[in-house]
Amino acid sequence: MAKLLRQFRITKALPPCAGGASRSESVARGLARLPARAKWVLIHDGARPCLRPALVARAVQAARRSGAVACGLPASVTVKETSRTGRVRRTLNRERLWFVQTPQVFRRDWLEAAMRRAGRRLGRFPDDASLVEAAGFPVTMIAGDPLNVKITTSEDLRLAEAALRMRR
């Protein structure tokens, strides 16, 4: 990472630090490296390489108004909750459901307070927004980017490659 920062002359980044065994541990390590004067924290998955600067700008702007923001896509498919055996328990109202993405932006004091409150349970939270929510702070959803693909499978990689080709 340090080599890439030098190669592309990126000067506004802190020196890289080693990640942890989990997402939450990696975020905690990064947060510990921030200078004291940093009042805002933007968290983004390395597994989402198609991030556009415009989404970052919108997320930061929205967070400055509300204190905490997560990007995402409004649910466009029907979602059903089932039992362990697969029997449908209920159909969720997709009008209020979102597929969450990063970036997520937080007031630093809120994120640090949420991490302290979570303690050893930090790893049970699927994302930082849910951690901040559980601590009682409001999180606002804003529209993300359908091409801000998270790469977890080989199919995701092909989709991300296609998204990047579309942007050239």
N, C-alpha and C. Protein backbone atom coordinates (compact mmCIF):
# COMPACT_ATOMS: atom_id res chain seq x y z
N MET A 1 0.83 -1.18 0.00
CA MET A 1 0.00 0.00 0.00
C MET A 1 0.88 1.25 0.00
N ALA A 2 1.94 1.25 0.81
CA ALA A 2 2.83 2.41 0.86
C ALA A 2 3.43 2.69 -0.51
N LYS A 3 3.77 1.63 -1.24
CA LYS A 3 4.34 1.79 -2.59
C LYS A 3 3.31 2.43 -3.53
N LEU A 4 2.05 2.01 -3.45
CA LEU A 4 1.00 2.59 -4.30
C LEU A 4 0.77 4.06 -3.96
N LEU A 5 0.80 4.40 -2.68
CA LEU A 5 0.63 5.80 -2.28
C LEU A 5 1.73 6.67 -2.89
N ARG A 6 2.96 6.17 -2.84
CA ARG A 6 4.07 6.92 -3.45
C ARG A 6 3.93 6.99 -4.96
N GLN A 7 3.61 5.84 -5.58
CA GLN A 7 3.51 5.76 -7.04
C GLN A 7 2.49 6.74 -7.59
N PHE A 8 1.35 6.87 -6.92
CA PHE A 8 0.29 7.75 -7.40
C PHE A 8 0.32 9.12 -6.72
N ARG A 9 1.41 9.38 -5.98
CA ARG A 9 1.62 10.68 -5.34
C ARG A 9 0.44 11.10 -4.46
N ILE A 10 -0.06 10.16 -3.70
CA ILE A 10 -1.16 10.43 -2.78
C ILE A 10 -0.53 10.88 -1.46
N THR A 11 -0.76 12.12 -1.11
CA THR A 11 -0.11 12.70 0.06
C THR A 11 -1.06 12.95 1.23
N LYS A 12 -2.35 12.80 1.01
CA LYS A 12 -3.30 13.07 2.08
C LYS A 12 -3.65 11.82 2.89
N ALA A 13 -2.93 10.75 2.68
CA ALA A 13 -3.20 9.50 3.39
C ALA A 13 -2.19 9.32 4.52
N LEU A 14 -2.64 8.72 5.60
CA LEU A 14 -1.73 8.35 6.67
C LEU A 14 -0.97 7.11 6.25
N PRO A 15 0.17 6.84 6.85
CA PRO A 15 0.88 5.60 6.52
C PRO A 15 -0.02 4.40 6.80
N PRO A 16 0.03 3.38 5.94
CA PRO A 16 -0.81 2.19 6.15
C PRO A 16 -0.47 1.50 7.48
N CYS A 17 -1.48 0.84 8.05
CA CYS A 17 -1.24 0.02 9.23
C CYS A 17 -1.81 -1.37 8.96
N ALA A 18 -1.31 -2.34 9.66
CA ALA A 18 -1.77 -3.72 9.47
C ALA A 18 -3.21 -3.85 9.92
N GLY A 19 -3.99 -4.59 9.15
CA GLY A 19 -5.37 -4.86 9.53
C GLY A 19 -5.44 -5.89 10.64
N GLY A 20 -6.63 -6.10 11.14
CA GLY A 20 -6.83 -7.07 12.20
C GLY A 20 -7.42 -8.36 11.67
N ALA A 21 -7.79 -9.23 12.57
CA ALA A 21 -8.36 -10.52 12.22
C ALA A 21 -9.81 -10.40 11.74
N SER A 22 -10.43 -9.26 12.00
CA SER A 22 -11.82 -9.03 11.58
C SER A 22 -11.95 -7.61 11.07
N ARG A 23 -13.08 -7.33 10.44
CA ARG A 23 -13.35 -5.98 9.94
C ARG A 23 -13.30 -4.98 11.09
N SER A 24 -13.97 -5.31 12.18
CA SER A 24 -14.04 -4.37 13.30
C SER A 24 -12.66 -4.13 13.92
N GLU A 25 -11.84 -5.14 13.99
CA GLU A 25 -10.50 -4.97 14.54
C GLU A 25 -9.65 -4.09 13.61
N SER A 26 -9.81 -4.26 12.32
CA SER A 26 -9.09 -3.42 11.37
C SER A 26 -9.50 -1.96 11.51
N VAL A 27 -10.80 -1.72 11.65
CA VAL A 27 -11.29 -0.34 11.82
C VAL A 27 -10.73 0.24 13.12
N ALA A 28 -10.74 -0.53 14.19
CA ALA A 28 -10.21 -0.04 15.47
C ALA A 28 -8.73 0.32 15.35
N ARG A 29 -7.97 -0.49 14.64
CA ARG A 29 -6.54 -0.19 14.45
C ARG A 29 -6.34 1.08 13.64
N GLY A 30 -7.13 1.24 12.59
CA GLY A 30 -7.03 2.46 11.79
C GLY A 30 -7.43 3.69 12.59
N LEU A 31 -8.48 3.57 13.36
CA LEU A 31 -8.96 4.68 14.17
C LEU A 31 -7.90 5.10 15.19
N ALA A 32 -7.20 4.14 15.75
CA ALA A 32 -6.15 4.43 16.74
C ALA A 32 -5.00 5.21 16.11
N ARG A 33 -4.82 5.10 14.80
CA ARG A 33 -3.72 5.78 14.12
C ARG A 33 -4.07 7.20 13.67
N LEU A 34 -5.34 7.58 13.78
CA LEU A 34 -5.72 8.92 13.33
C LEU A 34 -5.14 9.98 14.26
N PRO A 35 -4.76 11.12 13.69
CA PRO A 35 -4.30 12.21 14.56
C PRO A 35 -5.46 12.74 15.40
N ALA A 36 -5.14 13.28 16.54
CA ALA A 36 -6.17 13.77 17.48
C ALA A 36 -7.05 14.83 16.85
N ARG A 37 -6.53 15.60 15.90
CA ARG A 37 -7.31 16.68 15.29
C ARG A 37 -8.40 16.17 14.33
N ALA A 38 -8.34 14.91 13.95
CA ALA A 38 -9.33 14.35 13.02
C ALA A 38 -10.67 14.20 13.74
N LYS A 39 -11.68 14.88 13.25
CA LYS A 39 -13.01 14.87 13.89
C LYS A 39 -14.00 13.97 13.16
N TRP A 40 -13.66 13.55 11.94
CA TRP A 40 -14.54 12.71 11.13
C TRP A 40 -13.79 11.47 10.67
N VAL A 41 -14.53 10.37 10.53
CA VAL A 41 -13.94 9.11 10.09
C VAL A 41 -14.76 8.59 8.92
N LEU A 42 -14.08 8.31 7.81
CA LEU A 42 -14.71 7.68 6.66
C LEU A 42 -14.15 6.27 6.56
N ILE A 43 -15.04 5.29 6.51
CA ILE A 43 -14.64 3.88 6.43
C ILE A 43 -15.13 3.33 5.10
N HIS A 44 -14.21 2.66 4.40
CA HIS A 44 -14.56 2.07 3.11
C HIS A 44 -13.92 0.70 3.00
N ASP A 45 -14.66 -0.26 2.46
CA ASP A 45 -14.16 -1.63 2.25
C ASP A 45 -13.13 -1.65 1.14
N GLY A 46 -12.00 -2.29 1.40
CA GLY A 46 -11.04 -2.53 0.33
C GLY A 46 -11.61 -3.44 -0.74
N ALA A 47 -12.66 -4.18 -0.41
CA ALA A 47 -13.29 -5.10 -1.35
C ALA A 47 -14.24 -4.38 -2.32
N ARG A 48 -14.32 -3.05 -2.23
CA ARG A 48 -15.16 -2.26 -3.13
C ARG A 48 -14.28 -1.29 -3.92
N PRO A 49 -13.63 -1.78 -4.97
CA PRO A 49 -12.66 -0.95 -5.71
C PRO A 49 -13.27 0.03 -6.70
N CYS A 50 -14.56 0.02 -6.87
CA CYS A 50 -15.19 0.87 -7.89
C CYS A 50 -15.77 2.16 -7.31
N LEU A 51 -15.28 2.56 -6.17
CA LEU A 51 -15.77 3.76 -5.51
C LEU A 51 -15.47 5.01 -6.34
N ARG A 52 -16.48 5.85 -6.48
CA ARG A 52 -16.30 7.11 -7.21
C ARG A 52 -16.14 8.26 -6.21
N PRO A 53 -15.28 9.22 -6.53
CA PRO A 53 -15.09 10.37 -5.64
C PRO A 53 -16.38 11.12 -5.35
N ALA A 54 -17.30 11.17 -6.28
CA ALA A 54 -18.55 11.90 -6.06
C ALA A 54 -19.35 11.28 -4.91
N LEU A 55 -19.33 9.96 -4.77
CA LEU A 55 -20.04 9.31 -3.67
C LEU A 55 -19.38 9.66 -2.33
N VAL A 56 -18.07 9.68 -2.31
CA VAL A 56 -17.35 10.08 -1.10
C VAL A 56 -17.78 11.49 -0.69
N ALA A 57 -17.79 12.39 -1.65
CA ALA A 57 -18.15 13.79 -1.37
C ALA A 57 -19.57 13.89 -0.83
N ARG A 58 -20.51 13.16 -1.45
CA ARG A 58 -21.90 13.21 -0.97
C ARG A 58 -22.03 12.64 0.43
N ALA A 59 -21.30 11.55 0.70
CA ALA A 59 -21.37 10.93 2.03
C ALA A 59 -20.80 11.86 3.10
N VAL A 60 -19.69 12.49 2.82
CA VAL A 60 -19.09 13.42 3.79
C VAL A 60 -20.03 14.60 4.03
N GLN A 61 -20.57 15.14 2.96
CA GLN A 61 -21.49 16.28 3.09
C GLN A 61 -22.71 15.91 3.94
N ALA A 62 -23.28 14.75 3.69
CA ALA A 62 -24.46 14.30 4.44
C ALA A 62 -24.10 14.04 5.91
N ALA A 63 -22.93 13.47 6.15
CA ALA A 63 -22.51 13.19 7.53
C ALA A 63 -22.31 14.48 8.31
N ARG A 64 -21.82 15.50 7.66
CA ARG A 64 -21.62 16.78 8.36
C ARG A 64 -22.95 17.36 8.83
N ARG A 65 -24.03 17.02 8.12
CA ARG A 65 -25.36 17.48 8.53
C ARG A 65 -25.96 16.60 9.62
N SER A 66 -25.73 15.28 9.54
CA SER A 66 -26.44 14.37 10.44
C SER A 66 -25.58 13.68 11.49
N GLY A 67 -24.28 13.65 11.31
CA GLY A 67 -23.40 13.01 12.28
C GLY A 67 -22.95 11.62 11.90
N ALA A 68 -23.77 10.90 11.15
CA ALA A 68 -23.41 9.54 10.75
C ALA A 68 -24.19 9.16 9.49
N VAL A 69 -23.47 8.60 8.51
CA VAL A 69 -24.09 8.25 7.23
C VAL A 69 -23.57 6.90 6.75
N ALA A 70 -24.48 6.12 6.20
CA ALA A 70 -24.11 4.90 5.48
C ALA A 70 -24.69 5.01 4.08
N CYS A 71 -23.91 4.62 3.10
CA CYS A 71 -24.39 4.59 1.73
C CYS A 71 -25.05 3.24 1.49
N GLY A 72 -25.97 3.21 0.55
CA GLY A 72 -26.63 1.95 0.24
C GLY A 72 -27.58 2.09 -0.92
N LEU A 73 -28.18 0.98 -1.24
CA LEU A 73 -29.15 0.93 -2.33
C LEU A 73 -30.50 0.52 -1.76
N PRO A 74 -31.55 1.27 -2.09
CA PRO A 74 -32.87 0.84 -1.65
C PRO A 74 -33.17 -0.56 -2.20
N ALA A 75 -33.78 -1.39 -1.38
CA ALA A 75 -34.10 -2.76 -1.81
C ALA A 75 -35.01 -2.71 -3.03
N SER A 76 -34.67 -3.49 -4.02
CA SER A 76 -35.47 -3.54 -5.25
C SER A 76 -36.08 -4.91 -5.48
N VAL A 77 -35.84 -5.81 -4.54
CA VAL A 77 -36.38 -7.17 -4.64
C VAL A 77 -37.16 -7.46 -3.37
N THR A 78 -38.04 -8.43 -3.43
CA THR A 78 -38.79 -8.84 -2.26
C THR A 78 -37.89 -9.65 -1.35
N VAL A 79 -37.96 -9.36 -0.04
CA VAL A 79 -37.13 -10.05 0.94
C VAL A 79 -38.04 -10.79 1.91
N LYS A 80 -37.74 -12.06 2.13
CA LYS A 80 -38.53 -12.88 3.03
C LYS A 80 -37.66 -13.35 4.19
N GLU A 81 -38.24 -13.33 5.38
CA GLU A 81 -37.59 -13.89 6.55
C GLU A 81 -38.10 -15.32 6.69
N THR A 82 -37.18 -16.27 6.93
CA THR A 82 -37.57 -17.67 7.04
C THR A 82 -37.10 -18.27 8.35
N SER A 83 -37.64 -19.44 8.64
CA SER A 83 -37.15 -20.23 9.77
C SER A 83 -35.88 -20.95 9.31
N ARG A 84 -35.26 -21.64 10.22
CA ARG A 84 -34.05 -22.40 9.86
C ARG A 84 -34.33 -23.50 8.85
N THR A 85 -35.57 -23.95 8.79
CA THR A 85 -35.93 -25.01 7.85
C THR A 85 -36.35 -24.45 6.49
N GLY A 86 -36.37 -23.12 6.35
CA GLY A 86 -36.73 -22.52 5.08
C GLY A 86 -38.18 -22.10 4.96
N ARG A 87 -38.97 -22.34 5.99
CA ARG A 87 -40.38 -21.93 5.94
C ARG A 87 -40.48 -20.42 6.11
N VAL A 88 -41.25 -19.79 5.25
CA VAL A 88 -41.40 -18.34 5.29
C VAL A 88 -42.13 -17.92 6.55
N ARG A 89 -41.51 -17.01 7.29
CA ARG A 89 -42.14 -16.45 8.49
C ARG A 89 -42.89 -15.17 8.14
N ARG A 90 -42.24 -14.33 7.32
CA ARG A 90 -42.90 -13.10 6.90
C ARG A 90 -42.16 -12.49 5.72
N THR A 91 -42.89 -11.65 5.01
CA THR A 91 -42.31 -10.88 3.91
C THR A 91 -42.09 -9.47 4.42
N LEU A 92 -40.87 -8.99 4.26
CA LEU A 92 -40.51 -7.68 4.77
C LEU A 92 -40.93 -6.59 3.79
N ASN A 93 -41.24 -5.41 4.33
CA ASN A 93 -41.64 -4.28 3.50
C ASN A 93 -40.39 -3.65 2.90
N ARG A 94 -40.16 -3.86 1.62
CA ARG A 94 -38.93 -3.39 1.00
C ARG A 94 -38.87 -1.88 0.87
N GLU A 95 -39.97 -1.18 1.07
CA GLU A 95 -39.94 0.28 0.99
C GLU A 95 -39.04 0.89 2.06
N ARG A 96 -38.74 0.14 3.12
CA ARG A 96 -37.89 0.66 4.19
C ARG A 96 -36.59 -0.12 4.32
N LEU A 97 -36.26 -0.94 3.34
CA LEU A 97 -35.05 -1.76 3.40
C LEU A 97 -33.97 -1.23 2.46
N TRP A 98 -32.73 -1.35 2.89
CA TRP A 98 -31.59 -0.90 2.10
C TRP A 98 -30.53 -1.99 2.08
N PHE A 99 -29.80 -2.08 0.97
CA PHE A 99 -28.60 -2.91 0.87
C PHE A 99 -27.43 -1.97 1.19
N VAL A 100 -26.78 -2.20 2.30
CA VAL A 100 -25.78 -1.26 2.80
C VAL A 100 -24.44 -1.45 2.10
N GLN A 101 -23.80 -0.32 1.84
CA GLN A 101 -22.48 -0.29 1.22
C GLN A 101 -21.55 0.54 2.11
N THR A 102 -20.35 0.68 1.66
CA THR A 102 -19.47 1.72 2.16
C THR A 102 -19.21 2.63 0.96
N PRO A 103 -18.85 3.88 1.21
CA PRO A 103 -18.32 4.41 2.46
C PRO A 103 -19.40 4.66 3.49
N GLN A 104 -18.93 4.66 4.74
CA GLN A 104 -19.72 5.08 5.88
C GLN A 104 -18.91 6.15 6.60
N VAL A 105 -19.57 7.22 7.00
CA VAL A 105 -18.87 8.37 7.58
C VAL A 105 -19.49 8.69 8.93
N PHE A 106 -18.63 8.95 9.93
CA PHE A 106 -19.09 9.16 11.29
C PHE A 106 -18.34 10.28 11.97
N ARG A 107 -19.03 10.95 12.88
CA ARG A 107 -18.32 11.80 13.83
C ARG A 107 -17.38 10.88 14.59
N ARG A 108 -16.17 11.27 14.74
CA ARG A 108 -15.19 10.42 15.41
C ARG A 108 -15.61 10.12 16.84
N ASP A 109 -16.10 11.12 17.57
CA ASP A 109 -16.48 10.88 18.96
C ASP A 109 -17.61 9.85 19.07
N TRP A 110 -18.54 9.85 18.10
CA TRP A 110 -19.61 8.85 18.12
C TRP A 110 -19.05 7.45 17.87
N LEU A 111 -18.18 7.33 16.89
CA LEU A 111 -17.62 6.01 16.57
C LEU A 111 -16.79 5.48 17.73
N GLU A 112 -15.98 6.32 18.33
CA GLU A 112 -15.17 5.88 19.47
C GLU A 112 -16.05 5.48 20.65
N ALA A 113 -17.10 6.25 20.92
CA ALA A 113 -18.02 5.91 22.01
C ALA A 113 -18.70 4.57 21.73
N ALA A 114 -19.10 4.36 20.48
CA ALA A 114 -19.75 3.10 20.11
C ALA A 114 -18.80 1.92 20.29
N MET A 115 -17.55 2.10 19.93
CA MET A 115 -16.57 1.01 20.09
C MET A 115 -16.33 0.71 21.56
N ARG A 116 -16.24 1.75 22.37
CA ARG A 116 -16.06 1.52 23.82
C ARG A 116 -17.25 0.76 24.39
N ARG A 117 -18.46 1.15 24.01
CA ARG A 117 -19.67 0.48 24.53
C ARG A 117 -19.74 -0.98 24.09
N ALA A 118 -19.29 -1.24 22.88
CA ALA A 118 -19.35 -2.62 22.37
C ALA A 118 -18.33 -3.51 23.06
N GLY A 119 -17.19 -2.95 23.41
CA GLY A 119 -16.15 -3.74 24.09
C GLY A 119 -15.79 -5.00 23.33
N ARG A 120 -15.83 -6.13 24.01
CA ARG A 120 -15.45 -7.41 23.39
C ARG A 120 -16.49 -7.90 22.40
N ARG A 121 -17.67 -7.28 22.36
CA ARG A 121 -18.71 -7.69 21.41
C ARG A 121 -18.56 -6.98 20.06
N LEU A 122 -17.48 -6.25 19.88
CA LEU A 122 -17.27 -5.45 18.68
C LEU A 122 -17.42 -6.27 17.40
N GLY A 123 -16.94 -7.47 17.39
CA GLY A 123 -16.96 -8.31 16.19
C GLY A 123 -18.34 -8.81 15.78
N ARG A 124 -19.33 -8.64 16.61
CA ARG A 124 -20.67 -9.15 16.26
C ARG A 124 -21.43 -8.21 15.33
N PHE A 125 -20.92 -7.01 15.12
CA PHE A 125 -21.61 -6.04 14.29
C PHE A 125 -21.20 -6.21 12.83
N PRO A 126 -22.16 -6.31 11.91
CA PRO A 126 -21.83 -6.57 10.51
C PRO A 126 -21.19 -5.38 9.79
N ASP A 127 -21.40 -4.17 10.32
CA ASP A 127 -20.78 -2.99 9.74
C ASP A 127 -20.69 -1.92 10.82
N ASP A 128 -20.01 -0.84 10.50
CA ASP A 128 -19.81 0.21 11.50
C ASP A 128 -21.08 0.98 11.77
N ALA A 129 -21.94 1.10 10.78
CA ALA A 129 -23.22 1.79 11.00
C ALA A 129 -24.04 1.07 12.06
N SER A 130 -24.08 -0.25 12.02
CA SER A 130 -24.86 -0.98 13.03
C SER A 130 -24.25 -0.83 14.42
N LEU A 131 -22.94 -0.71 14.49
CA LEU A 131 -22.25 -0.47 15.76
C LEU A 131 -22.66 0.89 16.34
N VAL A 132 -22.65 1.92 15.49
CA VAL A 132 -23.02 3.27 15.93
C VAL A 132 -24.50 3.32 16.30
N GLU A 133 -25.36 2.64 15.52
CA GLU A 133 -26.79 2.57 15.83
C GLU A 133 -27.02 1.94 17.20
N ALA A 134 -26.32 0.82 17.47
CA ALA A 134 -26.50 0.10 18.73
C ALA A 134 -26.10 0.96 19.93
N ALA A 135 -25.22 1.92 19.70
CA ALA A 135 -24.81 2.82 20.78
C ALA A 135 -25.80 3.96 20.97
N GLY A 136 -26.85 3.99 20.14
CA GLY A 136 -27.90 4.99 20.31
C GLY A 136 -27.76 6.24 19.46
N PHE A 137 -26.79 6.26 18.54
CA PHE A 137 -26.61 7.42 17.67
C PHE A 137 -27.39 7.22 16.37
N PRO A 138 -28.00 8.28 15.84
CA PRO A 138 -28.76 8.15 14.59
C PRO A 138 -27.83 8.03 13.38
N VAL A 139 -28.19 7.13 12.50
CA VAL A 139 -27.45 6.95 11.24
C VAL A 139 -28.41 7.21 10.09
N THR A 140 -27.99 8.01 9.15
CA THR A 140 -28.80 8.34 7.98
C THR A 140 -28.31 7.54 6.78
N MET A 141 -29.25 6.98 6.03
CA MET A 141 -28.91 6.29 4.78
C MET A 141 -28.98 7.29 3.63
N ILE A 142 -28.00 7.19 2.73
CA ILE A 142 -28.06 7.97 1.49
C ILE A 142 -27.84 7.01 0.33
N ALA A 143 -28.31 7.42 -0.84
CA ALA A 143 -28.18 6.57 -2.02
C ALA A 143 -26.71 6.34 -2.35
N GLY A 144 -26.37 5.08 -2.51
CA GLY A 144 -25.03 4.69 -2.90
C GLY A 144 -24.92 4.63 -4.41
N ASP A 145 -24.14 3.67 -4.88
CA ASP A 145 -23.87 3.51 -6.31
C ASP A 145 -24.00 2.04 -6.65
N PRO A 146 -24.89 1.69 -7.60
CA PRO A 146 -25.04 0.28 -7.97
C PRO A 146 -23.74 -0.35 -8.47
N LEU A 147 -22.82 0.47 -8.99
CA LEU A 147 -21.55 -0.07 -9.49
C LEU A 147 -20.46 -0.10 -8.42
N ASN A 148 -20.79 0.27 -7.19
CA ASN A 148 -19.87 0.20 -6.06
C ASN A 148 -19.92 -1.24 -5.52
N VAL A 149 -19.47 -2.15 -6.33
CA VAL A 149 -19.61 -3.60 -6.11
C VAL A 149 -18.62 -4.09 -5.05
N LYS A 150 -19.10 -4.96 -4.17
CA LYS A 150 -18.22 -5.61 -3.20
C LYS A 150 -17.78 -6.95 -3.78
N ILE A 151 -16.48 -7.15 -3.87
CA ILE A 151 -15.96 -8.37 -4.48
C ILE A 151 -15.76 -9.43 -3.42
N THR A 152 -16.63 -10.44 -3.47
CA THR A 152 -16.50 -11.59 -2.57
C THR A 152 -16.48 -12.91 -3.33
N THR A 153 -16.91 -12.89 -4.57
CA THR A 153 -16.92 -14.10 -5.40
C THR A 153 -16.28 -13.79 -6.75
N SER A 154 -16.01 -14.82 -7.52
CA SER A 154 -15.43 -14.61 -8.85
C SER A 154 -16.43 -13.89 -9.76
N GLU A 155 -17.72 -14.10 -9.56
CA GLU A 155 -18.73 -13.38 -10.34
C GLU A 155 -18.71 -11.89 -10.01
N ASP A 156 -18.51 -11.57 -8.73
CA ASP A 156 -18.40 -10.16 -8.33
C ASP A 156 -17.20 -9.51 -9.01
N LEU A 157 -16.11 -10.24 -9.12
CA LEU A 157 -14.92 -9.70 -9.77
C LEU A 157 -15.21 -9.37 -11.23
N ARG A 158 -15.91 -10.25 -11.92
CA ARG A 158 -16.26 -9.98 -13.32
C ARG A 158 -17.19 -8.76 -13.42
N LEU A 159 -18.12 -8.64 -12.49
CA LEU A 159 -19.02 -7.48 -12.48
C LEU A 159 -18.23 -6.19 -12.24
N ALA A 160 -17.29 -6.21 -11.30
CA ALA A 160 -16.47 -5.02 -11.02
C ALA A 160 -15.61 -4.65 -12.23
N GLU A 161 -15.05 -5.65 -12.88
CA GLU A 161 -14.25 -5.37 -14.08
C GLU A 161 -15.11 -4.72 -15.15
N ALA A 162 -16.34 -5.19 -15.31
CA ALA A 162 -17.25 -4.60 -16.30
C ALA A 162 -17.61 -3.16 -15.90
N ALA A 163 -17.82 -2.94 -14.62
CA ALA A 163 -18.15 -1.59 -14.14
C ALA A 163 -16.99 -0.62 -14.43
N LEU A 164 -15.78 -1.08 -14.19
CA LEU A 164 -14.62 -0.22 -14.45
C LEU A 164 -14.44 0.04 -15.94
N ARG A 165 -14.71 -0.97 -16.77
CA ARG A 165 -14.63 -0.76 -18.23
C ARG A 165 -15.67 0.26 -18.68
N MET A 166 -16.86 0.23 -18.08
CA MET A 166 -17.91 1.17 -18.44
C MET A 166 -17.52 2.62 -18.13
N ARG A 167 -16.70 2.81 -17.12
CA ARG A 167 -16.32 4.16 -16.68
C ARG A 167 -15.18 4.76 -17.49
N ARG A 168 -14.48 3.97 -18.27
CA ARG A 168 -13.33 4.50 -19.02
C ARG A 168 -13.78 5.42 -20.11
